[in-house]
Amino acid sequence: MGAVLGAALTLVAEHHLGVWSIGWDSRLLAPVYSGVISSGITYYVQGLVMKTRGPVFVTAFNPLCMIIVAVLGSVILAEKLHLGSVIGAVIITVGLYAVVWGKSKDYVAPKASANGEDEAQELPITATCITKSRTTINDNKHIGDSNDDPAEMVGVRK
């Protein structure tokens, strides 16, 4: 939808067809190179962080990109920073610090065993014995009279 609106605005604002032509020069190479390289680095770093610390840290650091863009735009492009932008950056930073502080309490480093071997975590195994009681019905016939083995009474085959 944004591409359609951008194209419509460009058609109204620019009357020369030369603005639509993209040649095989820096006008094409710079955006493609920066898009491919920055996306590749971003996904690689996000994958590393997600593998080591979990998805909360990846999503928590996304608002930090806005702060970095604002600071770099101010330093490199001499853009003016307004009071609202600075207050928003401080709020984002405090919130980010709170998330990282809270998650650091949850993070437990894996422990090595005393003898140096990695032990797998196992669930405790419990066993129960289920037996049927003999029930007398009409004509003095008993249910479960075939054998006294509890395993056969509940239908377990040997």
N, C-alpha and C. Protein backbone atom coordinates (compact mmCIF):
# COMPACT_ATOMS: atom_id res chain seq x y z
N MET A 1 0.83 -1.19 0.00
CA MET A 1 0.00 0.00 0.00
C MET A 1 0.87 1.26 0.00
N GLY A 2 1.98 1.20 0.75
CA GLY A 2 2.88 2.35 0.80
C GLY A 2 3.53 2.63 -0.54
N ALA A 3 3.83 1.58 -1.30
CA ALA A 3 4.44 1.76 -2.62
C ALA A 3 3.45 2.43 -3.57
N VAL A 4 2.19 2.06 -3.48
CA VAL A 4 1.18 2.67 -4.35
C VAL A 4 1.00 4.15 -4.00
N LEU A 5 0.93 4.46 -2.70
CA LEU A 5 0.79 5.86 -2.29
C LEU A 5 2.03 6.67 -2.67
N GLY A 6 3.22 6.08 -2.50
CA GLY A 6 4.45 6.78 -2.88
C GLY A 6 4.51 7.05 -4.37
N ALA A 7 4.09 6.07 -5.17
CA ALA A 7 4.08 6.25 -6.63
C ALA A 7 3.08 7.33 -7.04
N ALA A 8 1.93 7.34 -6.40
CA ALA A 8 0.92 8.37 -6.72
C ALA A 8 1.42 9.76 -6.36
N LEU A 9 2.06 9.89 -5.21
CA LEU A 9 2.60 11.19 -4.80
C LEU A 9 3.72 11.64 -5.73
N THR A 10 4.56 10.71 -6.17
CA THR A 10 5.64 11.06 -7.08
C THR A 10 5.09 11.49 -8.43
N LEU A 11 4.04 10.84 -8.91
CA LEU A 11 3.43 11.24 -10.18
C LEU A 11 2.88 12.66 -10.11
N VAL A 12 2.33 13.03 -8.96
CA VAL A 12 1.78 14.38 -8.80
C VAL A 12 2.89 15.41 -8.63
N ALA A 13 3.93 15.08 -7.85
CA ALA A 13 4.97 16.05 -7.52
C ALA A 13 6.01 16.21 -8.62
N GLU A 14 6.39 15.13 -9.28
CA GLU A 14 7.43 15.17 -10.30
C GLU A 14 6.81 14.95 -11.67
N HIS A 15 7.10 15.84 -12.61
CA HIS A 15 6.53 15.74 -13.94
C HIS A 15 7.53 15.22 -14.96
N HIS A 16 8.76 14.96 -14.54
CA HIS A 16 9.79 14.47 -15.46
C HIS A 16 9.89 12.95 -15.33
N LEU A 17 9.99 12.26 -16.45
CA LEU A 17 10.09 10.81 -16.42
C LEU A 17 11.48 10.34 -16.01
N GLY A 18 12.45 11.24 -15.98
CA GLY A 18 13.82 10.87 -15.62
C GLY A 18 13.96 10.44 -14.17
N VAL A 19 13.05 10.87 -13.30
CA VAL A 19 13.15 10.48 -11.90
C VAL A 19 12.80 9.01 -11.70
N TRP A 20 12.11 8.40 -12.67
CA TRP A 20 11.72 7.01 -12.55
C TRP A 20 12.80 6.04 -13.03
N SER A 21 13.79 6.53 -13.75
CA SER A 21 14.80 5.63 -14.31
C SER A 21 15.89 5.33 -13.28
N ILE A 22 16.18 4.06 -13.13
CA ILE A 22 17.26 3.63 -12.25
C ILE A 22 18.31 2.99 -13.14
N GLY A 23 19.48 3.57 -13.17
CA GLY A 23 20.56 3.05 -14.01
C GLY A 23 21.44 2.09 -13.23
N TRP A 24 22.40 1.50 -13.93
CA TRP A 24 23.35 0.59 -13.31
C TRP A 24 24.51 1.38 -12.75
N ASP A 25 24.21 2.28 -11.83
CA ASP A 25 25.24 3.10 -11.22
C ASP A 25 25.01 3.12 -9.70
N SER A 26 25.51 4.13 -9.04
CA SER A 26 25.39 4.20 -7.59
C SER A 26 23.95 4.39 -7.13
N ARG A 27 23.07 4.86 -7.99
CA ARG A 27 21.67 5.02 -7.61
C ARG A 27 21.00 3.67 -7.39
N LEU A 28 21.51 2.62 -7.99
CA LEU A 28 20.99 1.28 -7.77
C LEU A 28 21.88 0.50 -6.81
N LEU A 29 23.19 0.65 -6.94
CA LEU A 29 24.11 -0.15 -6.15
C LEU A 29 24.06 0.19 -4.66
N ALA A 30 23.98 1.46 -4.31
CA ALA A 30 24.01 1.86 -2.90
C ALA A 30 22.82 1.32 -2.11
N PRO A 31 21.58 1.49 -2.59
CA PRO A 31 20.47 0.93 -1.80
C PRO A 31 20.46 -0.60 -1.73
N VAL A 32 20.82 -1.25 -2.84
CA VAL A 32 20.84 -2.71 -2.83
C VAL A 32 21.93 -3.22 -1.90
N TYR A 33 23.11 -2.66 -1.98
CA TYR A 33 24.22 -3.09 -1.12
C TYR A 33 23.89 -2.86 0.35
N SER A 34 23.41 -1.67 0.67
CA SER A 34 23.11 -1.38 2.08
C SER A 34 21.95 -2.23 2.59
N GLY A 35 20.98 -2.49 1.75
CA GLY A 35 19.85 -3.33 2.16
C GLY A 35 20.26 -4.77 2.40
N VAL A 36 21.05 -5.33 1.48
CA VAL A 36 21.47 -6.72 1.61
C VAL A 36 22.43 -6.89 2.79
N ILE A 37 23.42 -6.03 2.89
CA ILE A 37 24.41 -6.16 3.96
C ILE A 37 23.78 -5.90 5.33
N SER A 38 23.02 -4.83 5.46
CA SER A 38 22.43 -4.52 6.77
C SER A 38 21.39 -5.57 7.18
N SER A 39 20.61 -6.07 6.23
CA SER A 39 19.65 -7.12 6.56
C SER A 39 20.37 -8.41 6.96
N GLY A 40 21.42 -8.75 6.24
CA GLY A 40 22.17 -9.95 6.58
C GLY A 40 22.79 -9.88 7.95
N ILE A 41 23.41 -8.76 8.27
CA ILE A 41 24.02 -8.60 9.60
C ILE A 41 22.94 -8.61 10.68
N THR A 42 21.84 -7.94 10.41
CA THR A 42 20.75 -7.88 11.40
C THR A 42 20.20 -9.27 11.70
N TYR A 43 19.90 -10.05 10.67
CA TYR A 43 19.35 -11.39 10.90
C TYR A 43 20.37 -12.31 11.56
N TYR A 44 21.63 -12.17 11.23
CA TYR A 44 22.66 -12.99 11.85
C TYR A 44 22.77 -12.68 13.35
N VAL A 45 22.82 -11.40 13.70
CA VAL A 45 22.93 -11.02 15.11
C VAL A 45 21.67 -11.41 15.87
N GLN A 46 20.50 -11.22 15.26
CA GLN A 46 19.26 -11.61 15.92
C GLN A 46 19.21 -13.12 16.15
N GLY A 47 19.70 -13.90 15.21
CA GLY A 47 19.74 -15.34 15.37
C GLY A 47 20.66 -15.75 16.51
N LEU A 48 21.82 -15.10 16.60
CA LEU A 48 22.75 -15.41 17.70
C LEU A 48 22.14 -15.07 19.06
N VAL A 49 21.53 -13.90 19.13
CA VAL A 49 20.92 -13.48 20.41
C VAL A 49 19.76 -14.39 20.77
N MET A 50 18.95 -14.77 19.79
CA MET A 50 17.81 -15.63 20.06
C MET A 50 18.27 -17.01 20.52
N LYS A 51 19.36 -17.49 19.95
CA LYS A 51 19.86 -18.82 20.35
C LYS A 51 20.44 -18.79 21.76
N THR A 52 21.10 -17.72 22.13
CA THR A 52 21.73 -17.68 23.45
C THR A 52 20.82 -17.16 24.55
N ARG A 53 20.03 -16.15 24.27
CA ARG A 53 19.25 -15.52 25.35
C ARG A 53 17.74 -15.63 25.19
N GLY A 54 17.24 -15.95 24.01
CA GLY A 54 15.81 -16.11 23.82
C GLY A 54 15.19 -14.97 23.02
N PRO A 55 13.94 -15.14 22.62
CA PRO A 55 13.29 -14.16 21.75
C PRO A 55 12.94 -12.84 22.43
N VAL A 56 12.90 -12.81 23.75
CA VAL A 56 12.53 -11.56 24.44
C VAL A 56 13.57 -10.48 24.18
N PHE A 57 14.83 -10.85 24.17
CA PHE A 57 15.88 -9.86 23.96
C PHE A 57 15.86 -9.32 22.54
N VAL A 58 15.53 -10.14 21.57
CA VAL A 58 15.47 -9.67 20.19
C VAL A 58 14.39 -8.61 20.03
N THR A 59 13.22 -8.88 20.57
CA THR A 59 12.13 -7.91 20.44
C THR A 59 12.33 -6.70 21.34
N ALA A 60 13.03 -6.87 22.44
CA ALA A 60 13.25 -5.73 23.35
C ALA A 60 14.20 -4.71 22.74
N PHE A 61 15.15 -5.16 21.92
CA PHE A 61 16.13 -4.23 21.37
C PHE A 61 15.68 -3.58 20.06
N ASN A 62 14.53 -3.94 19.51
CA ASN A 62 14.04 -3.29 18.29
C ASN A 62 13.79 -1.80 18.47
N PRO A 63 13.20 -1.32 19.57
CA PRO A 63 13.03 0.12 19.73
C PRO A 63 14.35 0.88 19.83
N LEU A 64 15.41 0.19 20.19
CA LEU A 64 16.71 0.83 20.28
C LEU A 64 17.19 1.32 18.91
N CYS A 65 16.72 0.69 17.84
CA CYS A 65 17.09 1.12 16.49
C CYS A 65 16.62 2.56 16.21
N MET A 66 15.45 2.92 16.71
CA MET A 66 14.95 4.29 16.51
C MET A 66 15.85 5.30 17.19
N ILE A 67 16.35 4.96 18.37
CA ILE A 67 17.24 5.87 19.09
C ILE A 67 18.55 6.02 18.34
N ILE A 68 19.09 4.91 17.83
CA ILE A 68 20.35 4.96 17.09
C ILE A 68 20.18 5.80 15.83
N VAL A 69 19.07 5.64 15.13
CA VAL A 69 18.82 6.43 13.91
C VAL A 69 18.72 7.92 14.26
N ALA A 70 18.05 8.25 15.34
CA ALA A 70 17.92 9.66 15.72
C ALA A 70 19.27 10.27 16.08
N VAL A 71 20.09 9.53 16.81
CA VAL A 71 21.41 10.04 17.20
C VAL A 71 22.32 10.19 15.98
N LEU A 72 22.35 9.17 15.12
CA LEU A 72 23.19 9.25 13.93
C LEU A 72 22.70 10.34 12.96
N GLY A 73 21.39 10.51 12.85
CA GLY A 73 20.87 11.58 12.02
C GLY A 73 21.25 12.95 12.54
N SER A 74 21.30 13.09 13.85
CA SER A 74 21.71 14.35 14.44
C SER A 74 23.20 14.61 14.24
N VAL A 75 24.01 13.58 14.40
CA VAL A 75 25.46 13.75 14.29
C VAL A 75 25.90 13.86 12.83
N ILE A 76 25.46 12.95 11.98
CA ILE A 76 25.96 12.90 10.60
C ILE A 76 25.22 13.88 9.70
N LEU A 77 23.92 13.94 9.80
CA LEU A 77 23.12 14.77 8.89
C LEU A 77 22.73 16.12 9.46
N ALA A 78 23.18 16.43 10.67
CA ALA A 78 22.91 17.70 11.34
C ALA A 78 21.41 17.97 11.48
N GLU A 79 20.63 16.91 11.74
CA GLU A 79 19.21 17.08 11.99
C GLU A 79 19.02 17.58 13.42
N LYS A 80 17.94 18.30 13.64
CA LYS A 80 17.67 18.83 14.96
C LYS A 80 16.92 17.80 15.79
N LEU A 81 17.37 17.63 17.02
CA LEU A 81 16.65 16.78 17.96
C LEU A 81 15.72 17.66 18.79
N HIS A 82 14.49 17.24 18.89
CA HIS A 82 13.51 17.98 19.67
C HIS A 82 13.39 17.37 21.06
N LEU A 83 12.81 18.11 21.99
CA LEU A 83 12.68 17.66 23.36
C LEU A 83 11.87 16.37 23.46
N GLY A 84 10.83 16.25 22.65
CA GLY A 84 10.00 15.04 22.66
C GLY A 84 10.79 13.81 22.24
N SER A 85 11.69 13.98 21.28
CA SER A 85 12.52 12.85 20.84
C SER A 85 13.47 12.41 21.94
N VAL A 86 14.04 13.35 22.66
CA VAL A 86 14.97 13.02 23.74
C VAL A 86 14.22 12.34 24.89
N ILE A 87 13.04 12.86 25.24
CA ILE A 87 12.24 12.24 26.30
C ILE A 87 11.81 10.84 25.90
N GLY A 88 11.40 10.65 24.65
CA GLY A 88 11.03 9.33 24.17
C GLY A 88 12.21 8.36 24.20
N ALA A 89 13.40 8.84 23.84
CA ALA A 89 14.60 7.99 23.88
C ALA A 89 14.92 7.58 25.31
N VAL A 90 14.75 8.49 26.26
CA VAL A 90 15.02 8.15 27.66
C VAL A 90 14.01 7.11 28.16
N ILE A 91 12.74 7.27 27.80
CA ILE A 91 11.71 6.31 28.22
C ILE A 91 11.98 4.94 27.62
N ILE A 92 12.35 4.90 26.35
CA ILE A 92 12.66 3.62 25.70
C ILE A 92 13.87 2.97 26.36
N THR A 93 14.89 3.76 26.68
CA THR A 93 16.09 3.21 27.30
C THR A 93 15.80 2.67 28.69
N VAL A 94 15.01 3.39 29.47
CA VAL A 94 14.65 2.91 30.81
C VAL A 94 13.84 1.62 30.71
N GLY A 95 12.89 1.57 29.79
CA GLY A 95 12.10 0.35 29.60
C GLY A 95 12.96 -0.82 29.16
N LEU A 96 13.89 -0.56 28.26
CA LEU A 96 14.80 -1.60 27.80
C LEU A 96 15.67 -2.11 28.94
N TYR A 97 16.18 -1.20 29.74
CA TYR A 97 17.00 -1.59 30.89
C TYR A 97 16.17 -2.43 31.87
N ALA A 98 14.91 -2.07 32.08
CA ALA A 98 14.06 -2.82 33.00
C ALA A 98 13.82 -4.24 32.49
N VAL A 99 13.61 -4.40 31.18
CA VAL A 99 13.40 -5.73 30.62
C VAL A 99 14.67 -6.57 30.75
N VAL A 100 15.81 -5.99 30.43
CA VAL A 100 17.07 -6.72 30.53
C VAL A 100 17.37 -7.09 31.97
N TRP A 101 17.12 -6.19 32.90
CA TRP A 101 17.34 -6.46 34.31
C TRP A 101 16.43 -7.59 34.79
N GLY A 102 15.15 -7.54 34.38
CA GLY A 102 14.21 -8.59 34.78
C GLY A 102 14.55 -9.94 34.18
N LYS A 103 14.95 -9.96 32.92
CA LYS A 103 15.30 -11.22 32.28
C LYS A 103 16.62 -11.77 32.79
N SER A 104 17.51 -10.91 33.28
CA SER A 104 18.78 -11.41 33.81
C SER A 104 18.54 -12.22 35.08
N LYS A 105 17.46 -11.92 35.78
CA LYS A 105 17.11 -12.70 36.96
C LYS A 105 16.61 -14.09 36.57
N ASP A 106 16.00 -14.22 35.38
CA ASP A 106 15.47 -15.49 34.92
C ASP A 106 16.53 -16.38 34.30
N TYR A 107 17.59 -15.80 33.76
CA TYR A 107 18.59 -16.56 33.01
C TYR A 107 19.41 -17.41 33.95
N VAL A 108 19.46 -18.70 33.68
CA VAL A 108 20.25 -19.63 34.48
C VAL A 108 21.27 -20.26 33.54
N ALA A 109 22.54 -20.10 33.86
CA ALA A 109 23.59 -20.69 33.04
C ALA A 109 23.61 -22.19 33.24
N PRO A 110 23.86 -22.96 32.17
CA PRO A 110 23.92 -24.41 32.33
C PRO A 110 25.11 -24.80 33.20
N LYS A 111 24.88 -25.76 34.11
CA LYS A 111 25.93 -26.17 35.03
C LYS A 111 26.56 -27.46 34.54
N ALA A 112 27.86 -27.56 34.68
CA ALA A 112 28.55 -28.80 34.36
C ALA A 112 28.53 -29.69 35.60
N SER A 113 28.47 -30.99 35.39
CA SER A 113 28.43 -31.90 36.53
C SER A 113 29.81 -31.98 37.17
N ALA A 114 29.85 -32.56 38.35
CA ALA A 114 31.10 -32.61 39.12
C ALA A 114 32.15 -33.48 38.45
N ASN A 115 31.72 -34.54 37.76
CA ASN A 115 32.69 -35.42 37.13
C ASN A 115 33.01 -35.01 35.70
N GLY A 116 32.51 -33.89 35.24
CA GLY A 116 32.84 -33.34 33.93
C GLY A 116 31.96 -33.85 32.80
N GLU A 117 31.03 -34.76 33.06
CA GLU A 117 30.16 -35.28 32.02
C GLU A 117 28.87 -34.48 31.98
N ASP A 118 28.33 -34.34 30.78
CA ASP A 118 27.04 -33.67 30.64
C ASP A 118 25.94 -34.66 30.94
N GLU A 119 25.14 -34.37 31.94
CA GLU A 119 24.05 -35.24 32.30
C GLU A 119 22.76 -34.67 31.74
N ALA A 120 21.98 -35.53 31.13
CA ALA A 120 20.69 -35.10 30.61
C ALA A 120 19.70 -35.01 31.76
N GLN A 121 18.83 -34.03 31.67
CA GLN A 121 17.81 -33.91 32.69
C GLN A 121 16.74 -34.95 32.43
N GLU A 122 16.38 -35.69 33.46
CA GLU A 122 15.40 -36.74 33.31
C GLU A 122 14.21 -36.49 34.23
N LEU A 123 13.06 -36.92 33.76
CA LEU A 123 11.87 -36.83 34.58
C LEU A 123 11.85 -38.00 35.56
N PRO A 124 11.33 -37.81 36.75
CA PRO A 124 11.27 -38.92 37.70
C PRO A 124 10.26 -39.97 37.22
N ILE A 125 10.59 -41.22 37.43
CA ILE A 125 9.72 -42.31 37.02
C ILE A 125 9.07 -42.89 38.26
N THR A 126 7.76 -42.99 38.22
CA THR A 126 7.02 -43.59 39.33
C THR A 126 6.24 -44.77 38.79
N ALA A 127 6.10 -45.80 39.59
CA ALA A 127 5.37 -46.99 39.17
C ALA A 127 4.21 -47.20 40.14
N THR A 128 3.10 -47.60 39.61
CA THR A 128 1.94 -47.93 40.43
C THR A 128 1.43 -49.30 40.02
N CYS A 129 0.91 -50.02 40.94
CA CYS A 129 0.35 -51.35 40.68
C CYS A 129 -1.16 -51.25 40.81
N ILE A 130 -1.84 -51.60 39.75
CA ILE A 130 -3.30 -51.54 39.74
C ILE A 130 -3.82 -52.98 39.78
N THR A 131 -4.62 -53.27 40.76
CA THR A 131 -5.20 -54.62 40.87
C THR A 131 -6.71 -54.51 40.90
N LYS A 132 -7.34 -55.56 40.38
CA LYS A 132 -8.80 -55.61 40.41
C LYS A 132 -9.21 -56.44 41.62
N SER A 133 -10.23 -56.01 42.24
CA SER A 133 -10.75 -56.83 43.34
C SER A 133 -11.77 -57.81 42.76
N ARG A 134 -11.93 -58.89 43.42
CA ARG A 134 -12.90 -59.90 42.95
C ARG A 134 -14.29 -59.43 43.30
N THR A 135 -15.14 -59.45 42.35
CA THR A 135 -16.51 -59.03 42.56
C THR A 135 -17.43 -60.23 42.32
N THR A 136 -18.31 -60.48 43.24
CA THR A 136 -19.24 -61.61 43.10
C THR A 136 -20.52 -61.09 42.47
N ILE A 137 -20.95 -61.80 41.45
CA ILE A 137 -22.21 -61.47 40.81
C ILE A 137 -23.15 -62.67 40.95
N ASN A 138 -24.27 -62.64 40.30
CA ASN A 138 -25.26 -63.72 40.41
C ASN A 138 -24.62 -65.07 40.06
N ASP A 139 -25.14 -66.10 40.60
CA ASP A 139 -24.72 -67.49 40.39
C ASP A 139 -23.31 -67.74 40.89
N ASN A 140 -22.85 -66.96 41.83
CA ASN A 140 -21.53 -67.10 42.46
C ASN A 140 -20.37 -67.14 41.46
N LYS A 141 -20.49 -66.43 40.36
CA LYS A 141 -19.38 -66.31 39.42
C LYS A 141 -18.56 -65.10 39.82
N HIS A 142 -17.28 -65.21 39.71
CA HIS A 142 -16.39 -64.13 40.10
C HIS A 142 -15.76 -63.49 38.86
N ILE A 143 -15.61 -62.19 38.92
CA ILE A 143 -14.91 -61.48 37.85
C ILE A 143 -13.44 -61.48 38.20
N GLY A 144 -12.57 -61.78 37.23
CA GLY A 144 -11.14 -61.78 37.47
C GLY A 144 -10.67 -63.05 38.11
N ASP A 145 -11.37 -64.16 37.89
CA ASP A 145 -11.04 -65.42 38.51
C ASP A 145 -9.97 -66.19 37.74
N SER A 146 -9.60 -65.76 36.54
CA SER A 146 -8.74 -66.57 35.69
C SER A 146 -7.35 -66.75 36.27
N ASN A 147 -6.81 -65.74 36.88
CA ASN A 147 -5.44 -65.82 37.37
C ASN A 147 -5.27 -64.81 38.49
N ASP A 148 -4.35 -65.06 39.38
CA ASP A 148 -4.12 -64.10 40.46
C ASP A 148 -3.05 -63.07 40.10
N ASP A 149 -2.52 -63.10 38.88
CA ASP A 149 -1.49 -62.16 38.45
C ASP A 149 -2.12 -60.79 38.20
N PRO A 150 -1.70 -59.75 38.94
CA PRO A 150 -2.32 -58.43 38.76
C PRO A 150 -2.13 -57.87 37.37
N ALA A 151 -1.02 -58.22 36.71
CA ALA A 151 -0.79 -57.70 35.36
C ALA A 151 -1.82 -58.23 34.39
N GLU A 152 -2.24 -59.46 34.55
CA GLU A 152 -3.25 -60.01 33.64
C GLU A 152 -4.63 -59.49 33.96
N MET A 153 -4.85 -59.10 35.22
CA MET A 153 -6.17 -58.58 35.60
C MET A 153 -6.47 -57.26 34.91
N VAL A 154 -5.44 -56.44 34.63
CA VAL A 154 -5.66 -55.15 34.00
C VAL A 154 -5.40 -55.20 32.52
N GLY A 155 -5.10 -56.39 31.96
CA GLY A 155 -4.96 -56.51 30.54
C GLY A 155 -3.56 -56.33 30.00
N VAL A 156 -2.53 -56.47 30.82
CA VAL A 156 -1.16 -56.33 30.35
C VAL A 156 -0.69 -57.69 29.88
N ARG A 157 -0.16 -57.74 28.65
CA ARG A 157 0.32 -59.01 28.11
C ARG A 157 1.77 -59.21 28.45
N LYS A 158 2.12 -60.45 28.62
CA LYS A 158 3.52 -60.79 28.92
C LYS A 158 4.30 -61.01 27.67
